[in-house]
Amino acid sequence: MMDKHRYEIKFVVNDIKLAEFYAWLWTRTAMHEAYPERIINSLYFDDVKFRSVRDNIAGLPAREKFRMRWYSFPGNKNNLEVQGIKLEKKVREGRLGYKESISLAHLKDQLLSRDIGYLKSSSMEQFVKLGLIESNLGYEIFPALHVNYKRKYFEDMDNIRITIDSDINFYHVSDLARLFEHSPLGWSKKVIEFKFDPVHKNKVAELIRPLHMVPQRCSKYLQGMAYNNMVMYL
């Protein structure tokens, strides 16, 4: 299933700026909390040439990222709850983006008990459908990084959405290891993201003007790879 194209604008902030942002959110917008806070897990895959990494660092207008994603809720001990597991391709075309996704419900009960190599081999057909590999042999891709964080969701009546990500952790991964087997590397920053249909571009520009914050490129995948000394990324 493909989501329609949308803009995504990101801000990377510290605790002080986040407090200022919440003050703006509650007093200057009509946003409401759209969903309960969730824990997001993304297991990123790349090919042997690190295509996703290289294209993102180069800032290519057309680029892709591939990830296995699932959800749980705060208070869930050791992240043992698994919901909505799917394989995603995130596509960037200039300043717009969209996602394609395929359900991985068949892995729900095995996700945390089997090694990552098994998860990969059990998803080859889905990887082929999304275009990361050309056959089901699987030798062209590898698990690159696991990212885990808390996310809050807000939206208004025009379906302009804001997400706020905190408690961001990066985990080293390998085919023979299970998820959460390695110790996490924490990142102290928070990521605020606006997501909206292109028709609302001018409205969002006016909405965020009082924030006096500068949008910036921010890839959790690249940030985590840098934390694991895999790439140079500022």
C-alpha atoms as a PDB file:
ATOM      1  CA  MET A   1       0.000   0.000   0.000  1.00  0.00           C
ATOM      2  CA  MET A   2       1.352   3.454  -0.909  1.00  0.00           C
ATOM      3  CA  ASP A   3       0.772   6.647   1.038  1.00  0.00           C
ATOM      4  CA  LYS A   4       0.353   9.811  -1.023  1.00  0.00           C
ATOM      5  CA  HIS A   5       3.203  12.272  -1.378  1.00  0.00           C
ATOM      6  CA  ARG A   6       3.676  14.700   1.484  1.00  0.00           C
ATOM      7  CA  TYR A   7       6.114  17.225   2.868  1.00  0.00           C
ATOM      8  CA  GLU A   8       8.169  16.322   5.936  1.00  0.00           C
ATOM      9  CA  ILE A   9       9.906  19.111   7.857  1.00  0.00           C
ATOM     10  CA  LYS A  10      12.141  18.231  10.796  1.00  0.00           C
ATOM     11  CA  PHE A  11      13.578  20.133  13.746  1.00  0.00           C
ATOM     12  CA  VAL A  12      16.220  18.694  16.085  1.00  0.00           C
ATOM     13  CA  VAL A  13      15.940  20.223  19.559  1.00  0.00           C
ATOM     14  CA  ASN A  14      17.155  19.970  23.144  1.00  0.00           C
ATOM     15  CA  ASP A  15      14.957  19.905  26.258  1.00  0.00           C
ATOM     16  CA  ILE A  16      14.732  23.698  26.510  1.00  0.00           C
ATOM     17  CA  LYS A  17      13.624  24.127  22.902  1.00  0.00           C
ATOM     18  CA  LEU A  18      11.176  21.249  23.310  1.00  0.00           C
ATOM     19  CA  ALA A  19       9.516  23.004  26.265  1.00  0.00           C
ATOM     20  CA  GLU A  20       9.212  26.171  24.163  1.00  0.00           C
ATOM     21  CA  PHE A  21       7.724  24.118  21.340  1.00  0.00           C
ATOM     22  CA  TYR A  22       5.057  22.611  23.613  1.00  0.00           C
ATOM     23  CA  ALA A  23       4.117  26.106  24.798  1.00  0.00           C
ATOM     24  CA  TRP A  24       3.645  27.129  21.156  1.00  0.00           C
ATOM     25  CA  LEU A  25       1.739  23.918  20.371  1.00  0.00           C
ATOM     26  CA  TRP A  26      -0.868  24.410  23.108  1.00  0.00           C
ATOM     27  CA  THR A  27      -1.323  28.178  22.777  1.00  0.00           C
ATOM     28  CA  ARG A  28      -0.844  28.948  19.070  1.00  0.00           C
ATOM     29  CA  THR A  29      -2.314  25.933  17.259  1.00  0.00           C
ATOM     30  CA  ALA A  30      -5.468  23.838  17.095  1.00  0.00           C
ATOM     31  CA  MET A  31      -3.505  20.612  17.367  1.00  0.00           C
ATOM     32  CA  HIS A  32      -4.808  17.747  19.483  1.00  0.00           C
ATOM     33  CA  GLU A  33      -3.190  14.468  20.513  1.00  0.00           C
ATOM     34  CA  ALA A  34      -4.180  12.022  17.787  1.00  0.00           C
ATOM     35  CA  TYR A  35      -2.985   8.722  19.302  1.00  0.00           C
ATOM     36  CA  PRO A  36      -1.545   7.483  22.586  1.00  0.00           C
ATOM     37  CA  GLU A  37       2.235   7.676  22.847  1.00  0.00           C
ATOM     38  CA  ARG A  38       3.900   4.641  21.275  1.00  0.00           C
ATOM     39  CA  ILE A  39       7.330   3.080  21.135  1.00  0.00           C
ATOM     40  CA  ILE A  40       8.611   2.832  17.569  1.00  0.00           C
ATOM     41  CA  ASN A  41      11.152   0.216  16.496  1.00  0.00           C
ATOM     42  CA  SER A  42      12.838   0.355  13.098  1.00  0.00           C
ATOM     43  CA  LEU A  43      15.295  -2.270  11.861  1.00  0.00           C
ATOM     44  CA  TYR A  44      17.047  -0.757   8.842  1.00  0.00           C
ATOM     45  CA  PHE A  45      18.424  -2.816   5.984  1.00  0.00           C
ATOM     46  CA  ASP A  46      20.888  -1.734   3.318  1.00  0.00           C
ATOM     47  CA  ASP A  47      22.655  -3.322   0.388  1.00  0.00           C
ATOM     48  CA  VAL A  48      26.348  -4.242   0.352  1.00  0.00           C
ATOM     49  CA  LYS A  49      27.245  -0.889  -1.225  1.00  0.00           C
ATOM     50  CA  PHE A  50      25.413   1.076   1.505  1.00  0.00           C
ATOM     51  CA  ARG A  51      23.200   2.633  -1.150  1.00  0.00           C
ATOM     52  CA  SER A  52      20.753   4.198   1.329  1.00  0.00           C
ATOM     53  CA  VAL A  53      23.603   5.703   3.360  1.00  0.00           C
ATOM     54  CA  ARG A  54      25.512   7.064   0.381  1.00  0.00           C
ATOM     55  CA  ASP A  55      22.466   8.557  -1.345  1.00  0.00           C
ATOM     56  CA  ASN A  56      21.335  10.301   1.849  1.00  0.00           C
ATOM     57  CA  ILE A  57      24.767  11.751   2.653  1.00  0.00           C
ATOM     58  CA  ALA A  58      25.053  12.988  -0.929  1.00  0.00           C
ATOM     59  CA  GLY A  59      21.636  14.600  -0.619  1.00  0.00           C
ATOM     60  CA  LEU A  60      20.355  13.002  -3.811  1.00  0.00           C
ATOM     61  CA  PRO A  61      16.846  14.237  -4.616  1.00  0.00           C
ATOM     62  CA  ALA A  62      15.671  10.651  -5.309  1.00  0.00           C
ATOM     63  CA  ARG A  63      16.551   8.134  -2.614  1.00  0.00           C
ATOM     64  CA  GLU A  64      15.120   5.214  -0.642  1.00  0.00           C
ATOM     65  CA  LYS A  65      15.350   3.623   2.814  1.00  0.00           C
ATOM     66  CA  PHE A  66      14.162   0.156   3.796  1.00  0.00           C
ATOM     67  CA  ARG A  67      13.140  -0.857   7.281  1.00  0.00           C
ATOM     68  CA  MET A  68      11.227  -3.398   9.286  1.00  0.00           C
ATOM     69  CA  ARG A  69       8.964  -1.472  11.675  1.00  0.00           C
ATOM     70  CA  TRP A  70       6.745  -2.369  14.613  1.00  0.00           C
ATOM     71  CA  TYR A  71       5.155  -0.732  17.647  1.00  0.00           C
ATOM     72  CA  SER A  72       4.649  -1.229  21.356  1.00  0.00           C
ATOM     73  CA  PHE A  73       3.483   0.981  24.209  1.00  0.00           C
ATOM     74  CA  PRO A  74       5.341   2.675  27.110  1.00  0.00           C
ATOM     75  CA  GLY A  75       5.452   0.541  30.236  1.00  0.00           C
ATOM     76  CA  ASN A  76       5.746  -2.619  28.181  1.00  0.00           C
ATOM     77  CA  LYS A  77       8.552  -4.507  29.917  1.00  0.00           C
ATOM     78  CA  ASN A  78      11.562  -5.163  27.681  1.00  0.00           C
ATOM     79  CA  ASN A  79       9.592  -4.216  24.545  1.00  0.00           C
ATOM     80  CA  LEU A  80       7.978  -7.662  24.487  1.00  0.00           C
ATOM     81  CA  GLU A  81       4.788  -6.425  22.871  1.00  0.00           C
ATOM     82  CA  VAL A  82       4.748  -6.387  19.062  1.00  0.00           C
ATOM     83  CA  GLN A  83       2.072  -4.619  17.016  1.00  0.00           C
ATOM     84  CA  GLY A  84       1.717  -3.613  13.378  1.00  0.00           C
ATOM     85  CA  ILE A  85       4.905  -5.248  12.132  1.00  0.00           C
ATOM     86  CA  LYS A  86       5.586  -4.386   8.500  1.00  0.00           C
ATOM     87  CA  LEU A  87       8.295  -3.855   5.925  1.00  0.00           C
ATOM     88  CA  GLU A  88       8.538  -0.300   4.619  1.00  0.00           C
ATOM     89  CA  LYS A  89      10.199   1.456   1.732  1.00  0.00           C
ATOM     90  CA  LYS A  90      10.484   5.181   2.371  1.00  0.00           C
ATOM     91  CA  VAL A  91      10.938   7.118  -0.860  1.00  0.00           C
ATOM     92  CA  ARG A  92      12.187  10.679  -1.226  1.00  0.00           C
ATOM     93  CA  GLU A  93      11.529  12.591  -4.450  1.00  0.00           C
ATOM     94  CA  GLY A  94      12.902  16.087  -4.121  1.00  0.00           C
ATOM     95  CA  ARG A  95      11.233  17.707  -1.110  1.00  0.00           C
ATOM     96  CA  LEU A  96       8.314  15.284  -1.133  1.00  0.00           C
ATOM     97  CA  GLY A  97       8.137  11.730   0.139  1.00  0.00           C
ATOM     98  CA  TYR A  98       5.890   8.712   0.423  1.00  0.00           C
ATOM     99  CA  LYS A  99       5.960   5.195   1.871  1.00  0.00           C
ATOM    100  CA  GLU A 100       5.140   1.748   0.581  1.00  0.00           C
ATOM    101  CA  SER A 101       4.564  -1.025   3.111  1.00  0.00           C
ATOM    102  CA  ILE A 102       3.884  -4.749   3.273  1.00  0.00           C
ATOM    103  CA  SER A 103       2.600  -6.578   6.360  1.00  0.00           C
ATOM    104  CA  LEU A 104       4.966  -8.983   8.126  1.00  0.00           C
ATOM    105  CA  ALA A 105       2.291 -10.413  10.408  1.00  0.00           C
ATOM    106  CA  HIS A 106       3.754 -13.892   9.915  1.00  0.00           C
ATOM    107  CA  LEU A 107       6.791 -12.791  11.975  1.00  0.00           C
ATOM    108  CA  LYS A 108       4.872 -11.282  14.908  1.00  0.00           C
ATOM    109  CA  ASP A 109       5.426 -14.195  17.308  1.00  0.00           C
ATOM    110  CA  GLN A 110       9.024 -14.777  16.189  1.00  0.00           C
ATOM    111  CA  LEU A 111      10.338 -11.237  16.004  1.00  0.00           C
ATOM    112  CA  LEU A 112      12.018 -11.128  19.416  1.00  0.00           C
ATOM    113  CA  SER A 113      12.925 -14.797  19.783  1.00  0.00           C
ATOM    114  CA  ARG A 114      14.728 -15.489  16.491  1.00  0.00           C
ATOM    115  CA  ASP A 115      17.989 -14.032  15.194  1.00  0.00           C
ATOM    116  CA  ILE A 116      17.936 -11.192  12.693  1.00  0.00           C
ATOM    117  CA  GLY A 117      19.247 -13.393   9.911  1.00  0.00           C
ATOM    118  CA  TYR A 118      16.137 -15.538  10.260  1.00  0.00           C
ATOM    119  CA  LEU A 119      13.900 -12.451  10.146  1.00  0.00           C
ATOM    120  CA  LYS A 120      15.651 -11.351   6.976  1.00  0.00           C
ATOM    121  CA  SER A 121      15.455 -14.722   5.239  1.00  0.00           C
ATOM    122  CA  SER A 122      11.777 -15.018   6.190  1.00  0.00           C
ATOM    123  CA  SER A 123      11.056 -11.676   4.507  1.00  0.00           C
ATOM    124  CA  MET A 124      12.814 -12.183   1.172  1.00  0.00           C
ATOM    125  CA  GLU A 125       9.615 -12.210  -0.859  1.00  0.00           C
ATOM    126  CA  GLN A 126       8.570  -8.878   0.660  1.00  0.00           C
ATOM    127  CA  PHE A 127      12.023  -7.358   0.041  1.00  0.00           C
ATOM    128  CA  VAL A 128      11.748  -8.359  -3.619  1.00  0.00           C
ATOM    129  CA  LYS A 129       8.298  -6.757  -3.893  1.00  0.00           C
ATOM    130  CA  LEU A 130       9.593  -3.472  -2.452  1.00  0.00           C
ATOM    131  CA  GLY A 131      12.631  -3.477  -4.740  1.00  0.00           C
ATOM    132  CA  LEU A 132      15.557  -3.698  -2.314  1.00  0.00           C
ATOM    133  CA  ILE A 133      16.741  -6.921  -3.926  1.00  0.00           C
ATOM    134  CA  GLU A 134      16.108  -8.512  -7.303  1.00  0.00           C
ATOM    135  CA  SER A 135      15.799 -12.123  -6.182  1.00  0.00           C
ATOM    136  CA  ASN A 136      15.016 -14.098  -3.033  1.00  0.00           C
ATOM    137  CA  LEU A 137      18.634 -15.164  -2.472  1.00  0.00           C
ATOM    138  CA  GLY A 138      19.166 -12.415   0.080  1.00  0.00           C
ATOM    139  CA  TYR A 139      22.930 -12.057  -0.240  1.00  0.00           C
ATOM    140  CA  GLU A 140      22.638  -8.449  -1.438  1.00  0.00           C
ATOM    141  CA  ILE A 141      21.279  -6.988   1.805  1.00  0.00           C
ATOM    142  CA  PHE A 142      22.132  -6.966   5.477  1.00  0.00           C
ATOM    143  CA  PRO A 143      20.661  -5.603   8.738  1.00  0.00           C
ATOM    144  CA  ALA A 144      22.370  -2.267   9.341  1.00  0.00           C
ATOM    145  CA  LEU A 145      20.849  -0.655  12.454  1.00  0.00           C
ATOM    146  CA  HIS A 146      18.029  -0.929  14.985  1.00  0.00           C
ATOM    147  CA  VAL A 147      16.496   2.349  16.214  1.00  0.00           C
ATOM    148  CA  ASN A 148      14.087   2.547  19.154  1.00  0.00           C
ATOM    149  CA  TYR A 149      12.272   5.654  20.472  1.00  0.00           C
ATOM    150  CA  LYS A 150       9.082   7.101  21.958  1.00  0.00           C
ATOM    151  CA  ARG A 151       6.715   9.049  19.709  1.00  0.00           C
ATOM    152  CA  LYS A 152       3.867  11.461  20.452  1.00  0.00           C
ATOM    153  CA  TYR A 153       1.290  12.255  17.755  1.00  0.00           C
ATOM    154  CA  PHE A 154      -0.633  15.474  17.115  1.00  0.00           C
ATOM    155  CA  GLU A 155      -2.819  16.676  14.245  1.00  0.00           C
ATOM    156  CA  ASP A 156      -5.366  19.330  13.306  1.00  0.00           C
ATOM    157  CA  MET A 157      -8.531  19.369  11.204  1.00  0.00           C
ATOM    158  CA  ASP A 158      -6.526  19.802   7.981  1.00  0.00           C
ATOM    159  CA  ASN A 159      -4.632  16.582   8.745  1.00  0.00           C
ATOM    160  CA  ILE A 160      -1.414  18.497   9.354  1.00  0.00           C
ATOM    161  CA  ARG A 161       0.506  16.155  11.616  1.00  0.00           C
ATOM    162  CA  ILE A 162       3.253  16.670  14.159  1.00  0.00           C
ATOM    163  CA  THR A 163       5.281  13.890  15.730  1.00  0.00           C
ATOM    164  CA  ILE A 164       7.722  14.316  18.619  1.00  0.00           C
ATOM    165  CA  ASP A 165      10.377  11.635  19.083  1.00  0.00           C
ATOM    166  CA  SER A 166      12.344  11.256  22.322  1.00  0.00           C
ATOM    167  CA  ASP A 167      14.370   8.644  24.250  1.00  0.00           C
ATOM    168  CA  ILE A 168      16.100   7.718  20.987  1.00  0.00           C
ATOM    169  CA  ASN A 169      18.368   4.663  21.156  1.00  0.00           C
ATOM    170  CA  PHE A 170      20.602   3.009  18.556  1.00  0.00           C
ATOM    171  CA  TYR A 171      21.480  -0.709  18.635  1.00  0.00           C
ATOM    172  CA  HIS A 172      24.237  -2.501  16.748  1.00  0.00           C
ATOM    173  CA  VAL A 173      22.837  -5.491  14.849  1.00  0.00           C
ATOM    174  CA  SER A 174      24.047  -8.540  12.937  1.00  0.00           C
ATOM    175  CA  ASP A 175      22.543 -11.596  11.260  1.00  0.00           C
ATOM    176  CA  LEU A 176      23.436 -13.932  14.125  1.00  0.00           C
ATOM    177  CA  ALA A 177      22.159 -11.714  16.955  1.00  0.00           C
ATOM    178  CA  ARG A 178      18.646 -11.184  18.226  1.00  0.00           C
ATOM    179  CA  LEU A 179      17.041  -7.783  18.622  1.00  0.00           C
ATOM    180  CA  PHE A 180      18.008  -5.874  21.810  1.00  0.00           C
ATOM    181  CA  GLU A 181      20.975  -8.214  22.316  1.00  0.00           C
ATOM    182  CA  HIS A 182      23.486  -5.363  22.249  1.00  0.00           C
ATOM    183  CA  SER A 183      23.566  -2.406  24.639  1.00  0.00           C
ATOM    184  CA  PRO A 184      21.895   0.744  23.282  1.00  0.00           C
ATOM    185  CA  LEU A 185      23.621   4.016  22.501  1.00  0.00           C
ATOM    186  CA  GLY A 186      21.344   6.859  23.567  1.00  0.00           C
ATOM    187  CA  TRP A 187      20.912  10.167  21.733  1.00  0.00           C
ATOM    188  CA  SER A 188      19.872  13.117  23.887  1.00  0.00           C
ATOM    189  CA  LYS A 189      18.214  15.150  21.113  1.00  0.00           C
ATOM    190  CA  LYS A 190      14.500  15.192  20.303  1.00  0.00           C
ATOM    191  CA  VAL A 191      13.123  15.212  16.756  1.00  0.00           C
ATOM    192  CA  ILE A 192      10.013  17.215  15.862  1.00  0.00           C
ATOM    193  CA  GLU A 193       8.493  16.536  12.459  1.00  0.00           C
ATOM    194  CA  PHE A 194       5.680  18.214  10.521  1.00  0.00           C
ATOM    195  CA  LYS A 195       3.958  16.056   7.888  1.00  0.00           C
ATOM    196  CA  PHE A 196       1.404  17.546   5.517  1.00  0.00           C
ATOM    197  CA  ASP A 197      -0.131  17.523   2.063  1.00  0.00           C
ATOM    198  CA  PRO A 198       1.530  19.929  -0.417  1.00  0.00           C
ATOM    199  CA  VAL A 199      -1.690  21.961  -0.594  1.00  0.00           C
ATOM    200  CA  HIS A 200      -1.028  23.130   2.992  1.00  0.00           C
ATOM    201  CA  LYS A 201       2.540  24.309   2.351  1.00  0.00           C
ATOM    202  CA  ASN A 202       1.786  28.024   2.816  1.00  0.00           C
ATOM    203  CA  LYS A 203      -0.369  27.425   5.886  1.00  0.00           C
ATOM    204  CA  VAL A 204       2.409  25.459   7.591  1.00  0.00           C
ATOM    205  CA  ALA A 205       4.981  28.124   6.674  1.00  0.00           C
ATOM    206  CA  GLU A 206       2.880  30.755   8.454  1.00  0.00           C
ATOM    207  CA  LEU A 207       2.121  28.432  11.339  1.00  0.00           C
ATOM    208  CA  ILE A 208       5.748  27.716  12.206  1.00  0.00           C
ATOM    209  CA  ARG A 209       7.071  31.255  11.627  1.00  0.00           C
ATOM    210  CA  PRO A 210       6.757  32.266  15.329  1.00  0.00           C
ATOM    211  CA  LEU A 211       8.901  29.291  16.357  1.00  0.00           C
ATOM    212  CA  HIS A 212      12.111  30.907  15.076  1.00  0.00           C
ATOM    213  CA  MET A 213      13.531  27.430  14.519  1.00  0.00           C
ATOM    214  CA  VAL A 214      15.495  26.314  11.480  1.00  0.00           C
ATOM    215  CA  PRO A 215      14.436  23.052   9.783  1.00  0.00           C
ATOM    216  CA  GLN A 216      17.221  20.613   9.081  1.00  0.00           C
ATOM    217  CA  ARG A 217      17.862  17.281   7.494  1.00  0.00           C
ATOM    218  CA  CYS A 218      17.867  14.529  10.091  1.00  0.00           C
ATOM    219  CA  SER A 219      18.057  10.806   9.450  1.00  0.00           C
ATOM    220  CA  LYS A 220      17.931   8.601  12.541  1.00  0.00           C
ATOM    221  CA  TYR A 221      19.427   5.860  10.381  1.00  0.00           C
ATOM    222  CA  LEU A 222      22.486   7.968   9.499  1.00  0.00           C
ATOM    223  CA  GLN A 223      22.751   9.396  13.019  1.00  0.00           C
ATOM    224  CA  GLY A 224      22.790   5.880  14.468  1.00  0.00           C
ATOM    225  CA  MET A 225      25.303   4.646  11.909  1.00  0.00           C
ATOM    226  CA  ALA A 226      27.559   7.537  12.911  1.00  0.00           C
ATOM    227  CA  TYR A 227      27.137   6.634  16.612  1.00  0.00           C
ATOM    228  CA  ASN A 228      28.242   3.111  15.717  1.00  0.00           C
ATOM    229  CA  ASN A 229      31.274   4.517  13.840  1.00  0.00           C
ATOM    230  CA  MET A 230      29.977   3.232  10.510  1.00  0.00           C
ATOM    231  CA  VAL A 231      29.779   6.608   8.723  1.00  0.00           C
ATOM    232  CA  MET A 232      30.758  10.249   9.174  1.00  0.00           C
ATOM    233  CA  TYR A 233      27.561  12.275   9.598  1.00  0.00           C
ATOM    234  CA  LEU A 234      27.064  15.717  11.170  1.00  0.00           C
END
